[in-house]
PDB file of N, CA and C in Angstrom:
ATOM      1  N   MET A   1       0.825  -1.199   0.000  1.00  0.00           N
ATOM      2  CA  MET A   1       0.000   0.000   0.000  1.00  0.00           C
ATOM      3  C   MET A   1       0.862   1.252   0.000  1.00  0.00           C
ATOM      4  N   LEU A   2       1.828   1.307   0.927  1.00  0.00           N
ATOM      5  CA  LEU A   2       2.693   2.473   1.028  1.00  0.00           C
ATOM      6  C   LEU A   2       3.550   2.631  -0.215  1.00  0.00           C
ATOM      7  N   SER A   3       4.069   1.523  -0.731  1.00  0.00           N
ATOM      8  CA  SER A   3       4.911   1.616  -1.922  1.00  0.00           C
ATOM      9  C   SER A   3       4.105   2.076  -3.125  1.00  0.00           C
ATOM     10  N   LYS A   4       2.834   1.689  -3.213  1.00  0.00           N
ATOM     11  CA  LYS A   4       1.982   2.156  -4.315  1.00  0.00           C
ATOM     12  C   LYS A   4       1.751   3.661  -4.214  1.00  0.00           C
ATOM     13  N   GLU A   5       1.564   4.147  -2.980  1.00  0.00           N
ATOM     14  CA  GLU A   5       1.353   5.580  -2.784  1.00  0.00           C
ATOM     15  C   GLU A   5       2.602   6.367  -3.179  1.00  0.00           C
ATOM     16  N   PHE A   6       3.783   5.881  -2.769  1.00  0.00           N
ATOM     17  CA  PHE A   6       5.029   6.543  -3.154  1.00  0.00           C
ATOM     18  C   PHE A   6       5.249   6.465  -4.659  1.00  0.00           C
ATOM     19  N   ALA A   7       4.962   5.324  -5.229  1.00  0.00           N
ATOM     20  CA  ALA A   7       5.132   5.152  -6.672  1.00  0.00           C
ATOM     21  C   ALA A   7       4.254   6.141  -7.424  1.00  0.00           C
ATOM     22  N   HIS A   8       3.059   6.369  -6.927  1.00  0.00           N
ATOM     23  CA  HIS A   8       2.161   7.341  -7.557  1.00  0.00           C
ATOM     24  C   HIS A   8       2.751   8.754  -7.469  1.00  0.00           C
ATOM     25  N   ASN A   9       3.379   9.075  -6.326  1.00  0.00           N
ATOM     26  CA  ASN A   9       3.944  10.416  -6.121  1.00  0.00           C
ATOM     27  C   ASN A   9       5.214  10.665  -6.929  1.00  0.00           C
ATOM     28  N   VAL A  10       5.994   9.630  -7.188  1.00  0.00           N
ATOM     29  CA  VAL A  10       7.255   9.812  -7.922  1.00  0.00           C
ATOM     30  C   VAL A  10       7.156   9.280  -9.351  1.00  0.00           C
ATOM     31  N   ARG A  11       5.946   9.165  -9.832  1.00  0.00           N
ATOM     32  CA  ARG A  11       5.705   8.658 -11.182  1.00  0.00           C
ATOM     33  C   ARG A  11       6.577   9.395 -12.195  1.00  0.00           C
ATOM     34  N   GLY A  12       7.273   8.670 -13.021  1.00  0.00           N
ATOM     35  CA  GLY A  12       8.131   9.257 -14.037  1.00  0.00           C
ATOM     36  C   GLY A  12       9.566   9.436 -13.588  1.00  0.00           C
ATOM     37  N   HIS A  13       9.821   9.426 -12.276  1.00  0.00           N
ATOM     38  CA  HIS A  13      11.177   9.588 -11.765  1.00  0.00           C
ATOM     39  C   HIS A  13      11.807   8.250 -11.383  1.00  0.00           C
ATOM     40  N   MET A  14      10.969   7.339 -10.886  1.00  0.00           N
ATOM     41  CA  MET A  14      11.436   6.012 -10.485  1.00  0.00           C
ATOM     42  C   MET A  14      10.385   4.993 -10.889  1.00  0.00           C
ATOM     43  N   SER A  15      10.851   3.787 -11.129  1.00  0.00           N
ATOM     44  CA  SER A  15       9.906   2.728 -11.454  1.00  0.00           C
ATOM     45  C   SER A  15       9.219   2.245 -10.182  1.00  0.00           C
ATOM     46  N   GLU A  16       8.073   1.624 -10.325  1.00  0.00           N
ATOM     47  CA  GLU A  16       7.338   1.113  -9.177  1.00  0.00           C
ATOM     48  C   GLU A  16       8.147   0.036  -8.465  1.00  0.00           C
ATOM     49  N   GLU A  17       8.897  -0.735  -9.234  1.00  0.00           N
ATOM     50  CA  GLU A  17       9.745  -1.782  -8.645  1.00  0.00           C
ATOM     51  C   GLU A  17      10.826  -1.176  -7.755  1.00  0.00           C
ATOM     52  N   THR A  18      11.456  -0.097  -8.208  1.00  0.00           N
ATOM     53  CA  THR A  18      12.504   0.568  -7.430  1.00  0.00           C
ATOM     54  C   THR A  18      11.928   1.144  -6.144  1.00  0.00           C
ATOM     55  N   VAL A  19      10.765   1.779  -6.250  1.00  0.00           N
ATOM     56  CA  VAL A  19      10.124   2.347  -5.068  1.00  0.00           C
ATOM     57  C   VAL A  19       9.779   1.246  -4.078  1.00  0.00           C
ATOM     58  N   SER A  20       9.243   0.151  -4.570  1.00  0.00           N
ATOM     59  CA  SER A  20       8.880  -0.969  -3.704  1.00  0.00           C
ATOM     60  C   SER A  20      10.100  -1.507  -2.980  1.00  0.00           C
ATOM     61  N   GLU A  21      11.210  -1.624  -3.691  1.00  0.00           N
ATOM     62  CA  GLU A  21      12.449  -2.121  -3.093  1.00  0.00           C
ATOM     63  C   GLU A  21      12.955  -1.166  -2.014  1.00  0.00           C
ATOM     64  N   LEU A  22      12.903   0.145  -2.290  1.00  0.00           N
ATOM     65  CA  LEU A  22      13.362   1.129  -1.310  1.00  0.00           C
ATOM     66  C   LEU A  22      12.488   1.123  -0.054  1.00  0.00           C
ATOM     67  N   VAL A  23      11.188   1.013  -0.228  1.00  0.00           N
ATOM     68  CA  VAL A  23      10.283   0.960   0.915  1.00  0.00           C
ATOM     69  C   VAL A  23      10.553  -0.293   1.744  1.00  0.00           C
ATOM     70  N   ASN A  24      10.761  -1.423   1.088  1.00  0.00           N
ATOM     71  CA  ASN A  24      11.063  -2.666   1.800  1.00  0.00           C
ATOM     72  C   ASN A  24      12.377  -2.561   2.579  1.00  0.00           C
ATOM     73  N   GLN A  25      13.382  -1.936   1.968  1.00  0.00           N
ATOM     74  CA  GLN A  25      14.660  -1.763   2.657  1.00  0.00           C
ATOM     75  C   GLN A  25      14.496  -0.881   3.888  1.00  0.00           C
ATOM     76  N   PHE A  26      13.684   0.168   3.747  1.00  0.00           N
ATOM     77  CA  PHE A  26      13.473   1.037   4.903  1.00  0.00           C
ATOM     78  C   PHE A  26      12.802   0.273   6.038  1.00  0.00           C
ATOM     79  N   PHE A  27      11.792  -0.539   5.701  1.00  0.00           N
ATOM     80  CA  PHE A  27      11.108  -1.293   6.747  1.00  0.00           C
ATOM     81  C   PHE A  27      12.006  -2.345   7.374  1.00  0.00           C
ATOM     82  N   ARG A  28      12.922  -2.908   6.590  1.00  0.00           N
ATOM     83  CA  ARG A  28      13.849  -3.897   7.146  1.00  0.00           C
ATOM     84  C   ARG A  28      14.916  -3.251   8.012  1.00  0.00           C
ATOM     85  N   HIS A  29      15.412  -2.083   7.587  1.00  0.00           N
ATOM     86  CA  HIS A  29      16.546  -1.446   8.258  1.00  0.00           C
ATOM     87  C   HIS A  29      16.173  -0.088   8.847  1.00  0.00           C
ATOM     88  N   GLY A  30      14.894   0.189   8.964  1.00  0.00           N
ATOM     89  CA  GLY A  30      14.435   1.501   9.420  1.00  0.00           C
ATOM     90  C   GLY A  30      14.932   1.869  10.798  1.00  0.00           C
ATOM     91  N   ASN A  31      14.933   0.911  11.730  1.00  0.00           N
ATOM     92  CA  ASN A  31      15.377   1.226  13.086  1.00  0.00           C
ATOM     93  C   ASN A  31      16.846   1.630  13.105  1.00  0.00           C
ATOM     94  N   THR A  32      17.658   0.976  12.318  1.00  0.00           N
ATOM     95  CA  THR A  32      19.071   1.330  12.234  1.00  0.00           C
ATOM     96  C   THR A  32      19.233   2.718  11.648  1.00  0.00           C
ATOM     97  N   PHE A  33      18.485   2.993  10.590  1.00  0.00           N
ATOM     98  CA  PHE A  33      18.527   4.320   9.967  1.00  0.00           C
ATOM     99  C   PHE A  33      18.139   5.392  10.974  1.00  0.00           C
ATOM    100  N   LEU A  34      17.047   5.163  11.708  1.00  0.00           N
ATOM    101  CA  LEU A  34      16.580   6.149  12.683  1.00  0.00           C
ATOM    102  C   LEU A  34      17.582   6.329  13.824  1.00  0.00           C
ATOM    103  N   LEU A  35      18.221   5.248  14.267  1.00  0.00           N
ATOM    104  CA  LEU A  35      19.230   5.344  15.310  1.00  0.00           C
ATOM    105  C   LEU A  35      20.418   6.179  14.843  1.00  0.00           C
ATOM    106  N   LEU A  36      20.902   5.920  13.638  1.00  0.00           N
ATOM    107  CA  LEU A  36      22.033   6.688  13.110  1.00  0.00           C
ATOM    108  C   LEU A  36      21.664   8.158  12.938  1.00  0.00           C
ATOM    109  N   GLU A  37      20.450   8.421  12.495  1.00  0.00           N
ATOM    110  CA  GLU A  37      19.992   9.804  12.332  1.00  0.00           C
ATOM    111  C   GLU A  37      19.902  10.495  13.693  1.00  0.00           C
ATOM    112  N   LEU A  38      19.432   9.784  14.708  1.00  0.00           N
ATOM    113  CA  LEU A  38      19.343  10.338  16.060  1.00  0.00           C
ATOM    114  C   LEU A  38      20.730  10.674  16.600  1.00  0.00           C
ATOM    115  N   ILE A  39      21.680   9.792  16.388  1.00  0.00           N
ATOM    116  CA  ILE A  39      23.053  10.042  16.834  1.00  0.00           C
ATOM    117  C   ILE A  39      23.614  11.278  16.134  1.00  0.00           C
ATOM    118  N   HIS A  40      23.362  11.375  14.842  1.00  0.00           N
ATOM    119  CA  HIS A  40      23.839  12.529  14.074  1.00  0.00           C
ATOM    120  C   HIS A  40      23.197  13.816  14.589  1.00  0.00           C
ATOM    121  N   LEU A  41      21.898  13.799  14.823  1.00  0.00           N
ATOM    122  CA  LEU A  41      21.203  14.990  15.288  1.00  0.00           C
ATOM    123  C   LEU A  41      21.665  15.398  16.686  1.00  0.00           C
ATOM    124  N   ARG A  42      21.935  14.429  17.542  1.00  0.00           N
ATOM    125  CA  ARG A  42      22.436  14.750  18.888  1.00  0.00           C
ATOM    126  C   ARG A  42      23.791  15.436  18.816  1.00  0.00           C
ATOM    127  N   SER A  43      24.663  14.954  17.947  1.00  0.00           N
ATOM    128  CA  SER A  43      25.980  15.594  17.813  1.00  0.00           C
ATOM    129  C   SER A  43      25.833  16.991  17.223  1.00  0.00           C
ATOM    130  N   GLU A  44      24.886  17.169  16.319  1.00  0.00           N
ATOM    131  CA  GLU A  44      24.633  18.490  15.728  1.00  0.00           C
ATOM    132  C   GLU A  44      24.109  19.453  16.799  1.00  0.00           C
ATOM    133  N   VAL A  45      23.198  18.992  17.639  1.00  0.00           N
ATOM    134  CA  VAL A  45      22.665  19.822  18.730  1.00  0.00           C
ATOM    135  C   VAL A  45      23.787  20.196  19.695  1.00  0.00           C
ATOM    136  N   LYS A  46      24.648  19.250  20.006  1.00  0.00           N
ATOM    137  CA  LYS A  46      25.766  19.520  20.917  1.00  0.00           C
ATOM    138  C   LYS A  46      26.678  20.602  20.356  1.00  0.00           C
ATOM    139  N   SER A  47      27.012  20.504  19.074  1.00  0.00           N
ATOM    140  CA  SER A  47      27.899  21.507  18.478  1.00  0.00           C
ATOM    141  C   SER A  47      27.212  22.870  18.402  1.00  0.00           C
ATOM    142  N   LEU A  48      25.912  22.900  18.141  1.00  0.00           N
ATOM    143  CA  LEU A  48      25.190  24.170  18.120  1.00  0.00           C
ATOM    144  C   LEU A  48      25.119  24.797  19.508  1.00  0.00           C
ATOM    145  N   ARG A  49      24.942  23.979  20.535  1.00  0.00           N
ATOM    146  CA  ARG A  49      24.936  24.496  21.908  1.00  0.00           C
ATOM    147  C   ARG A  49      26.298  25.086  22.271  1.00  0.00           C
ATOM    148  N   GLU A  50      27.360  24.395  21.880  1.00  0.00           N
ATOM    149  CA  GLU A  50      28.707  24.898  22.161  1.00  0.00           C
ATOM    150  C   GLU A  50      28.950  26.215  21.436  1.00  0.00           C
ATOM    151  N   GLU A  51      28.504  26.305  20.192  1.00  0.00           N
ATOM    152  CA  GLU A  51      28.656  27.539  19.426  1.00  0.00           C
ATOM    153  C   GLU A  51      27.860  28.677  20.069  1.00  0.00           C
ATOM    154  N   LEU A  52      26.649  28.396  20.494  1.00  0.00           N
ATOM    155  CA  LEU A  52      25.820  29.402  21.153  1.00  0.00           C
ATOM    156  C   LEU A  52      26.462  29.855  22.461  1.00  0.00           C
ATOM    157  N   GLN A  53      26.984  28.926  23.246  1.00  0.00           N
ATOM    158  CA  GLN A  53      27.653  29.269  24.499  1.00  0.00           C
ATOM    159  C   GLN A  53      28.868  30.144  24.231  1.00  0.00           C
ATOM    160  N   HIS A  54      29.620  29.800  23.186  1.00  0.00           N
ATOM    161  CA  HIS A  54      30.793  30.584  22.818  1.00  0.00           C
ATOM    162  C   HIS A  54      30.392  32.008  22.436  1.00  0.00           C
ATOM    163  N   GLN A  55      29.317  32.156  21.665  1.00  0.00           N
ATOM    164  CA  GLN A  55      28.836  33.486  21.278  1.00  0.00           C
ATOM    165  C   GLN A  55      28.366  34.272  22.493  1.00  0.00           C
ATOM    166  N   GLN A  56      27.676  33.613  23.420  1.00  0.00           N
ATOM    167  CA  GLN A  56      27.220  34.286  24.633  1.00  0.00           C
ATOM    168  C   GLN A  56      28.398  34.734  25.485  1.00  0.00           C
ATOM    169  N   ASP A  57      29.422  33.896  25.581  1.00  0.00           N
ATOM    170  CA  ASP A  57      30.622  34.262  26.334  1.00  0.00           C
ATOM    171  C   ASP A  57      31.307  35.474  25.706  1.00  0.00           C
ATOM    172  N   ASN A  58      31.387  35.498  24.369  1.00  0.00           N
ATOM    173  CA  ASN A  58      32.006  36.625  23.674  1.00  0.00           C
ATOM    174  C   ASN A  58      31.197  37.901  23.882  1.00  0.00           C
ATOM    175  N   ASN A  59      29.871  37.794  23.861  1.00  0.00           N
ATOM    176  CA  ASN A  59      29.028  38.970  24.082  1.00  0.00           C
ATOM    177  C   ASN A  59      29.178  39.484  25.504  1.00  0.00           C
ATOM    178  N   ALA A  60      29.293  38.594  26.469  1.00  0.00           N
ATOM    179  CA  ALA A  60      29.461  38.993  27.865  1.00  0.00           C
ATOM    180  C   ALA A  60      30.784  39.727  28.051  1.00  0.00           C
ATOM    181  N   ILE A  61      31.826  39.248  27.407  1.00  0.00           N
ATOM    182  CA  ILE A  61      33.138  39.895  27.498  1.00  0.00           C
ATOM    183  C   ILE A  61      33.079  41.273  26.850  1.00  0.00           C
ATOM    184  N   THR A  62      32.430  41.367  25.705  1.00  0.00           N
ATOM    185  CA  THR A  62      32.310  42.631  24.987  1.00  0.00           C
ATOM    186  C   THR A  62      31.529  43.644  25.818  1.00  0.00           C
ATOM    187  N   LEU A  63      30.470  43.210  26.471  1.00  0.00           N
ATOM    188  CA  LEU A  63      29.668  44.113  27.291  1.00  0.00           C
ATOM    189  C   LEU A  63      30.462  44.625  28.494  1.00  0.00           C
ATOM    190  N   ARG A  64      31.350  43.831  29.034  1.00  0.00           N
ATOM    191  CA  ARG A  64      32.166  44.255  30.179  1.00  0.00           C
ATOM    192  C   ARG A  64      33.172  45.328  29.776  1.00  0.00           C
ATOM    193  N   GLU A  65      33.559  45.365  28.521  1.00  0.00           N
ATOM    194  CA  GLU A  65      34.555  46.323  28.058  1.00  0.00           C
ATOM    195  C   GLU A  65      33.979  47.731  27.903  1.00  0.00           C
ATOM    196  N   PHE A  66      32.663  47.859  27.717  1.00  0.00           N
ATOM    197  CA  PHE A  66      32.042  49.167  27.562  1.00  0.00           C
ATOM    198  C   PHE A  66      31.897  49.840  28.922  1.00  0.00           C
ATOM    199  N   PRO A  67      32.335  51.092  29.027  1.00  0.00           N
ATOM    200  CA  PRO A  67      32.155  51.811  30.311  1.00  0.00           C
ATOM    201  C   PRO A  67      30.686  52.180  30.515  1.00  0.00           C
ATOM    202  N   VAL A  68      30.257  52.125  31.738  1.00  0.00           N
ATOM    203  CA  VAL A  68      28.891  52.471  32.078  1.00  0.00           C
ATOM    204  C   VAL A  68      28.851  53.977  32.327  1.00  0.00           C
ATOM    205  N   PRO A  69      27.982  54.698  31.634  1.00  0.00           N
ATOM    206  CA  PRO A  69      27.942  56.170  31.818  1.00  0.00           C
ATOM    207  C   PRO A  69      27.322  56.565  33.136  1.00  0.00           C
TER     208      PRO A  69
END
């Protein structure tokens, strides 16, 4: 059912057989794919948090350098 729906959406770009094979592979290995994607996203979030912390630290230092009138 799902492969037929995808095949209808990608009509002309991929054959129905190719879509069916890709859907089957996802269902067989989907948990592994999702786990790897989760690991990747966690590392991306970590690096973004570090970058944000670094920017906040730089802004705090810059604000301390300005004299208060």
